[in-house]
N, C-alpha and C. Protein backbone atom coordinates (compact mmCIF):
# COMPACT_ATOMS: atom_id res chain seq x y z
N MET A 1 16.85 -1.17 9.68
CA MET A 1 15.87 -2.35 10.29
C MET A 1 14.62 -2.68 9.77
N ASN A 2 14.11 -1.09 10.51
CA ASN A 2 12.92 -0.98 10.59
C ASN A 2 12.25 -0.86 9.60
N PHE A 3 12.77 -0.21 8.60
CA PHE A 3 12.39 -0.12 6.64
C PHE A 3 11.98 -2.07 6.43
N ILE A 4 12.91 -2.38 6.76
CA ILE A 4 13.13 -4.08 5.93
C ILE A 4 12.02 -5.12 6.67
N LEU A 5 11.62 -4.79 8.33
CA LEU A 5 10.50 -5.57 8.77
C LEU A 5 9.26 -4.60 8.59
N LYS A 6 9.05 -3.41 8.24
CA LYS A 6 7.82 -2.67 7.43
C LYS A 6 7.68 -3.60 6.09
N VAL A 7 8.41 -3.59 5.37
CA VAL A 7 8.48 -4.45 3.88
C VAL A 7 7.90 -5.36 4.34
N LEU A 8 8.16 -6.05 4.78
CA LEU A 8 7.83 -7.76 4.50
C LEU A 8 6.92 -7.91 5.18
N ILE A 9 6.39 -6.94 6.85
CA ILE A 9 5.08 -6.74 6.80
C ILE A 9 4.08 -6.34 6.10
N THR A 10 4.48 -5.95 5.16
CA THR A 10 3.37 -5.04 4.45
C THR A 10 3.31 -6.20 3.27
N GLY A 11 3.89 -6.87 3.14
CA GLY A 11 4.47 -7.90 1.62
C GLY A 11 3.48 -8.94 2.56
N VAL A 12 3.39 -9.81 3.63
CA VAL A 12 2.35 -10.49 4.29
C VAL A 12 1.53 -10.49 3.97
N ILE A 13 0.72 -9.29 4.85
CA ILE A 13 -0.31 -7.99 4.37
C ILE A 13 -1.15 -8.07 3.60
N ALA A 14 -0.43 -7.67 2.02
CA ALA A 14 -0.88 -7.87 0.87
C ALA A 14 -1.46 -9.19 0.60
N TYR A 15 0.00 -9.72 0.63
CA TYR A 15 -0.60 -11.55 0.03
C TYR A 15 -2.30 -11.74 0.75
N LEU A 16 -2.14 -11.86 2.03
CA LEU A 16 -3.62 -12.54 2.78
C LEU A 16 -4.66 -11.85 2.15
N LEU A 17 -4.46 -10.20 2.23
CA LEU A 17 -5.83 -9.28 1.67
C LEU A 17 -6.23 -10.45 0.36
N GLN A 18 -5.04 -10.43 -0.69
CA GLN A 18 -5.87 -11.59 -1.46
C GLN A 18 -7.32 -12.45 -1.55
N GLY A 19 -6.69 -12.66 0.11
CA GLY A 19 -7.58 -13.84 0.40
C GLY A 19 -9.27 -12.98 0.56
N ILE A 20 -8.88 -11.85 1.16
CA ILE A 20 -10.14 -11.42 1.48
C ILE A 20 -11.14 -10.49 0.16
N LEU A 21 -10.06 -9.71 -0.84
CA LEU A 21 -10.72 -8.95 -2.03
C LEU A 21 -10.40 -10.05 -2.92
N SER A 22 -11.54 -9.49 -3.52
CA SER A 22 -11.44 -10.95 -4.70
C SER A 22 -10.67 -10.13 -6.09
N GLY A 23 -10.72 -8.96 -5.77
CA GLY A 23 -10.14 -7.72 -6.78
C GLY A 23 -8.78 -8.32 -7.12
N VAL A 24 -7.71 -8.30 -6.17
CA VAL A 24 -6.54 -8.79 -6.03
C VAL A 24 -5.98 -10.26 -5.51
N HIS A 25 -5.17 -9.67 -6.84
CA HIS A 25 -4.23 -10.62 -7.19
C HIS A 25 -2.60 -11.24 -6.85
N PHE A 26 -2.21 -12.40 -6.82
CA PHE A 26 -0.63 -12.30 -5.97
C PHE A 26 0.12 -13.55 -6.84
N LYS A 27 0.70 -13.94 -7.24
CA LYS A 27 1.20 -15.53 -7.84
C LYS A 27 2.23 -15.64 -6.64
N ASP A 28 2.77 -15.28 -5.89
CA ASP A 28 3.08 -15.75 -4.82
C ASP A 28 3.48 -15.31 -3.78
N MET A 29 4.12 -15.28 -2.48
CA MET A 29 4.79 -14.54 -1.45
C MET A 29 5.84 -13.47 -2.33
N LYS A 30 6.80 -14.14 -2.50
CA LYS A 30 7.72 -13.42 -3.58
C LYS A 30 7.32 -12.79 -4.25
N THR A 31 6.09 -11.91 -5.19
CA THR A 31 5.98 -11.23 -5.78
C THR A 31 4.69 -10.53 -5.18
N ALA A 32 4.05 -10.47 -3.70
CA ALA A 32 3.71 -9.58 -3.06
C ALA A 32 4.87 -8.83 -1.97
N ALA A 33 6.15 -9.25 -1.68
CA ALA A 33 6.88 -8.43 -1.24
C ALA A 33 7.49 -7.86 -2.06
N LEU A 34 8.13 -8.01 -3.37
CA LEU A 34 8.61 -6.96 -3.85
C LEU A 34 8.02 -6.27 -4.01
N PHE A 35 5.95 -6.59 -4.15
CA PHE A 35 5.69 -5.55 -4.34
C PHE A 35 5.25 -4.88 -3.43
N ALA A 36 5.19 -4.88 -2.14
CA ALA A 36 5.35 -3.57 -1.06
C ALA A 36 7.13 -3.47 -1.10
N LEU A 37 7.91 -3.93 -1.45
CA LEU A 37 9.03 -2.81 -1.21
C LEU A 37 8.71 -1.35 -3.14
N VAL A 38 8.66 -1.71 -3.93
CA VAL A 38 7.65 -1.06 -4.63
C VAL A 38 6.77 0.03 -4.08
N LEU A 39 6.03 -0.74 -3.73
CA LEU A 39 5.29 0.44 -3.25
C LEU A 39 5.96 1.51 -2.20
N ALA A 40 6.84 0.52 -1.55
CA ALA A 40 7.51 1.46 -0.12
C ALA A 40 8.15 2.45 -1.32
N LEU A 41 8.96 2.39 -2.38
CA LEU A 41 9.78 3.15 -2.47
C LEU A 41 8.85 4.46 -3.46
N LEU A 42 7.85 4.27 -3.61
CA LEU A 42 7.14 4.55 -5.23
C LEU A 42 6.27 6.01 -3.19
N ASN A 43 5.71 5.42 -2.81
CA ASN A 43 5.49 6.53 -1.36
C ASN A 43 6.59 7.32 -0.79
N ALA A 44 7.84 7.20 -1.31
CA ALA A 44 8.68 7.67 -0.18
C ALA A 44 8.73 8.92 -1.41
N VAL A 45 9.15 8.27 -3.04
CA VAL A 45 9.25 9.28 -3.98
C VAL A 45 8.41 9.86 -4.41
N VAL A 46 7.25 9.00 -4.93
CA VAL A 46 6.08 9.59 -5.55
C VAL A 46 4.96 10.08 -5.35
N LYS A 47 4.71 9.78 -4.01
CA LYS A 47 3.46 10.35 -3.65
C LYS A 47 3.84 11.74 -2.63
N PRO A 48 5.14 12.47 -2.10
CA PRO A 48 4.62 13.04 -1.91
C PRO A 48 4.83 14.22 -2.94
N ILE A 49 5.65 13.87 -3.47
CA ILE A 49 4.76 14.96 -4.89
C ILE A 49 3.80 15.28 -5.25
N LEU A 50 2.57 13.67 -5.71
CA LEU A 50 1.42 14.17 -5.43
C LEU A 50 0.72 14.76 -4.96
N VAL A 51 1.22 14.79 -3.27
CA VAL A 51 0.67 15.30 -2.50
C VAL A 51 0.71 16.77 -2.33
N ILE A 52 1.43 17.57 -2.95
CA ILE A 52 1.90 18.63 -2.79
C ILE A 52 1.22 19.43 -3.94
N LEU A 53 0.69 17.97 -5.14
CA LEU A 53 0.34 19.30 -5.59
C LEU A 53 -1.04 19.22 -5.71
N THR A 54 -1.81 18.63 -4.98
CA THR A 54 -3.18 18.51 -4.80
C THR A 54 -3.34 18.68 -3.78
N ILE A 55 -3.19 19.87 -2.48
CA ILE A 55 -3.28 20.83 -1.95
C ILE A 55 -4.16 21.02 -1.50
N PRO A 56 -4.76 21.60 -2.30
CA PRO A 56 -6.52 22.39 -2.50
C PRO A 56 -7.44 21.07 -2.88
N VAL A 57 -7.02 20.51 -3.70
CA VAL A 57 -7.70 18.94 -4.10
C VAL A 57 -8.04 18.14 -1.90
N THR A 58 -7.04 18.33 -1.70
CA THR A 58 -6.70 17.34 -0.74
C THR A 58 -8.08 18.94 0.83
N MET A 59 -7.82 20.06 0.38
CA MET A 59 -7.96 20.86 1.14
C MET A 59 -9.46 20.64 1.16
N ILE A 60 -10.11 20.47 0.58
CA ILE A 60 -11.51 20.93 -0.09
C ILE A 60 -12.31 19.87 0.35
N THR A 61 -11.65 18.30 -0.01
CA THR A 61 -12.12 17.53 0.36
C THR A 61 -12.56 16.07 1.97
N LEU A 62 -11.24 17.99 2.83
CA LEU A 62 -11.22 17.86 4.37
C LEU A 62 -9.99 16.33 4.12
N GLY A 63 -8.91 15.97 3.07
CA GLY A 63 -8.06 15.13 3.46
C GLY A 63 -7.89 13.42 2.84
N LEU A 64 -9.61 13.70 2.34
CA LEU A 64 -9.54 12.26 2.03
C LEU A 64 -9.64 11.97 0.01
N PHE A 65 -9.01 12.68 -0.18
CA PHE A 65 -8.59 12.69 -1.35
C PHE A 65 -7.16 12.18 -1.51
N LEU A 66 -6.05 12.17 -0.28
CA LEU A 66 -5.49 11.42 -0.54
C LEU A 66 -5.58 9.74 -0.59
N LEU A 67 -7.34 9.50 -0.19
CA LEU A 67 -7.39 7.53 -0.47
C LEU A 67 -7.16 6.99 -1.63
N VAL A 68 -7.35 7.99 -2.78
CA VAL A 68 -7.46 8.73 -3.58
C VAL A 68 -6.18 8.49 -4.33
N ILE A 69 -5.15 9.04 -3.48
CA ILE A 69 -3.28 8.87 -3.97
C ILE A 69 -3.12 8.03 -3.35
N ASN A 70 -3.45 7.47 -2.63
CA ASN A 70 -3.49 5.58 -2.37
C ASN A 70 -3.07 4.74 -2.82
N ALA A 71 -5.02 5.19 -3.37
CA ALA A 71 -5.11 3.59 -4.65
C ALA A 71 -4.30 3.56 -5.73
N LEU A 72 -4.03 5.41 -6.73
CA LEU A 72 -2.92 5.37 -7.11
C LEU A 72 -1.87 4.23 -7.49
N MET A 73 -1.10 4.82 -6.35
CA MET A 73 -0.21 4.96 -5.48
C MET A 73 0.26 2.82 -5.89
N VAL A 74 -1.35 2.51 -5.33
CA VAL A 74 -1.27 0.43 -5.40
C VAL A 74 -1.19 -0.09 -6.72
N MET A 75 -1.82 1.01 -7.91
CA MET A 75 -2.35 0.75 -8.91
C MET A 75 -1.20 0.89 -9.71
N LEU A 76 -0.37 1.73 -9.66
CA LEU A 76 1.00 2.70 -10.14
C LEU A 76 2.16 0.49 -9.87
N ALA A 77 2.08 1.10 -8.75
CA ALA A 77 3.33 0.10 -7.82
C ALA A 77 2.62 -1.50 -8.31
N GLU A 78 1.42 -2.07 -9.36
CA GLU A 78 1.19 -3.34 -9.47
C GLU A 78 1.91 -3.58 -11.41
N SER A 79 0.96 -2.26 -12.23
CA SER A 79 1.65 -2.29 -13.35
C SER A 79 3.16 -2.45 -13.31
N PHE A 80 3.81 -2.88 -12.16
CA PHE A 80 5.19 -2.65 -12.90
C PHE A 80 5.67 -4.75 -12.75
N PHE A 81 4.87 -5.20 -11.90
CA PHE A 81 4.11 -6.74 -12.41
C PHE A 81 3.44 -7.18 -12.75
N ASN A 82 4.54 -8.06 -13.57
CA ASN A 82 3.15 -9.33 -13.86
C ASN A 82 2.24 -10.21 -13.41
N GLY A 83 3.01 -10.76 -12.51
CA GLY A 83 2.23 -11.33 -10.83
C GLY A 83 1.66 -10.89 -10.08
N ALA A 84 1.09 -9.63 -10.24
CA ALA A 84 0.28 -8.69 -9.37
C ALA A 84 -0.52 -8.36 -10.37
N GLN A 85 -1.68 -7.96 -9.56
CA GLN A 85 -3.55 -8.04 -10.73
C GLN A 85 -3.92 -7.47 -9.51
N VAL A 86 -4.37 -5.42 -10.30
CA VAL A 86 -5.75 -5.16 -9.53
C VAL A 86 -6.67 -4.49 -10.24
N ASP A 87 -7.75 -5.73 -9.74
CA ASP A 87 -9.19 -5.23 -11.31
C ASP A 87 -9.25 -3.63 -10.89
N GLY A 88 -8.53 -2.30 -10.69
CA GLY A 88 -9.99 -1.45 -11.04
C GLY A 88 -9.23 -0.82 -9.75
N PHE A 89 -10.04 0.73 -9.54
CA PHE A 89 -9.74 1.64 -8.56
C PHE A 89 -10.37 1.40 -7.73
N TRP A 90 -11.58 1.04 -7.12
CA TRP A 90 -12.06 0.33 -6.25
C TRP A 90 -11.58 -0.63 -5.38
N TRP A 91 -10.84 -1.58 -6.30
CA TRP A 91 -10.33 -3.03 -5.25
C TRP A 91 -8.84 -2.58 -5.17
N ALA A 92 -8.21 -1.30 -5.61
CA ALA A 92 -6.77 -1.12 -5.60
C ALA A 92 -7.08 0.05 -4.04
N LEU A 93 -8.36 0.93 -3.29
CA LEU A 93 -9.20 2.07 -3.07
C LEU A 93 -9.38 0.93 -1.89
N ALA A 94 -9.98 -0.13 -1.50
CA ALA A 94 -10.14 -1.07 -0.72
C ALA A 94 -8.52 -1.91 0.07
N PHE A 95 -8.30 -1.91 -0.44
CA PHE A 95 -6.96 -3.14 -0.86
C PHE A 95 -5.73 -1.87 0.03
N SER A 96 -5.73 -0.85 0.01
CA SER A 96 -5.03 0.44 0.39
C SER A 96 -5.67 0.34 1.85
N ILE A 97 -6.70 0.52 1.55
CA ILE A 97 -7.32 0.95 3.02
C ILE A 97 -7.30 -0.23 4.12
N LEU A 98 -6.75 -1.44 3.74
CA LEU A 98 -6.66 -2.53 4.86
C LEU A 98 -5.68 -2.47 4.27
N LEU A 99 -4.90 -2.70 3.33
CA LEU A 99 -3.35 -2.88 3.72
C LEU A 99 -2.40 -1.97 5.00
N SER A 100 -3.24 -0.45 4.49
CA SER A 100 -3.12 0.44 6.52
C SER A 100 -3.34 0.00 7.74
N ILE A 101 -4.28 -0.72 7.70
CA ILE A 101 -5.31 -0.99 8.80
C ILE A 101 -4.41 -2.27 9.38
N GLY A 102 -4.15 -3.28 8.86
CA GLY A 102 -4.33 -4.68 8.91
C GLY A 102 -2.12 -4.51 9.44
N SER A 103 -1.29 -3.70 8.45
CA SER A 103 -0.28 -3.45 8.45
C SER A 103 0.49 -2.88 9.52
N SER A 104 -0.42 -1.64 9.83
CA SER A 104 -0.14 -1.08 10.56
C SER A 104 -0.51 -1.61 12.58
N ILE A 105 -1.92 -2.11 12.91
CA ILE A 105 -1.96 -3.51 13.38
C ILE A 105 -0.72 -4.50 13.54
N LEU A 106 -0.05 -5.13 12.29
CA LEU A 106 0.49 -5.83 12.67
C LEU A 106 1.78 -5.89 13.11
N TYR A 107 2.34 -5.09 12.65
CA TYR A 107 3.62 -3.54 12.70
C TYR A 107 3.64 -3.71 14.97
N SER A 108 2.50 -3.00 15.08
CA SER A 108 3.04 -2.49 16.44
C SER A 108 3.09 -3.69 17.40
N LEU A 109 1.86 -5.17 16.81
CA LEU A 109 1.78 -6.22 17.74
C LEU A 109 3.33 -6.63 17.61
N LEU A 110 3.89 -6.79 16.71
CA LEU A 110 5.73 -7.30 16.99
C LEU A 110 6.61 -6.37 16.84
N GLY A 111 5.82 -4.97 17.99
CA GLY A 111 7.08 -4.45 18.75
C GLY A 111 7.59 -3.47 17.90
N GLY A 112 6.92 -3.40 16.66
CA GLY A 112 7.33 -2.34 15.78
C GLY A 112 7.78 -0.82 15.99
N GLY A 113 6.43 -0.62 16.93
CA GLY A 113 6.89 1.17 17.55
C GLY A 113 7.69 1.61 18.75
N SER A 114 8.24 0.76 19.00
CA SER A 114 9.07 0.94 20.13
C SER A 114 10.89 1.41 19.90
N LYS A 115 10.79 2.30 20.59
CA LYS A 115 12.24 3.20 20.06
C LYS A 115 13.35 3.32 21.23
N ASN A 116 13.05 1.50 21.26
CA ASN A 116 15.32 0.97 21.39
C ASN A 116 16.20 0.37 20.57
């Protein structure tokens, strides 16, 4: 149940972020929710492999390279949809940072962080 809640929250935040970031576009809320689902699956499967492969670069940059990996995950998820568009790497980076912050705040406000 927590996974579904996290995906829905991520979809809502992603859809709302298109109003803040002019380089991010979603056709509708359904596309944003599917985008969030694909992003969650990519983060579960592809991201750990990329993190392991880039450990030396991540250590040299003191962990900042993980932001690049997050942006790449956003760009990869975007490539699966016709109704989702991110206009470039820098928009994907800004989107991934704001998406992480926004979904963390909203998830904690909705009580998702409790272990009941």
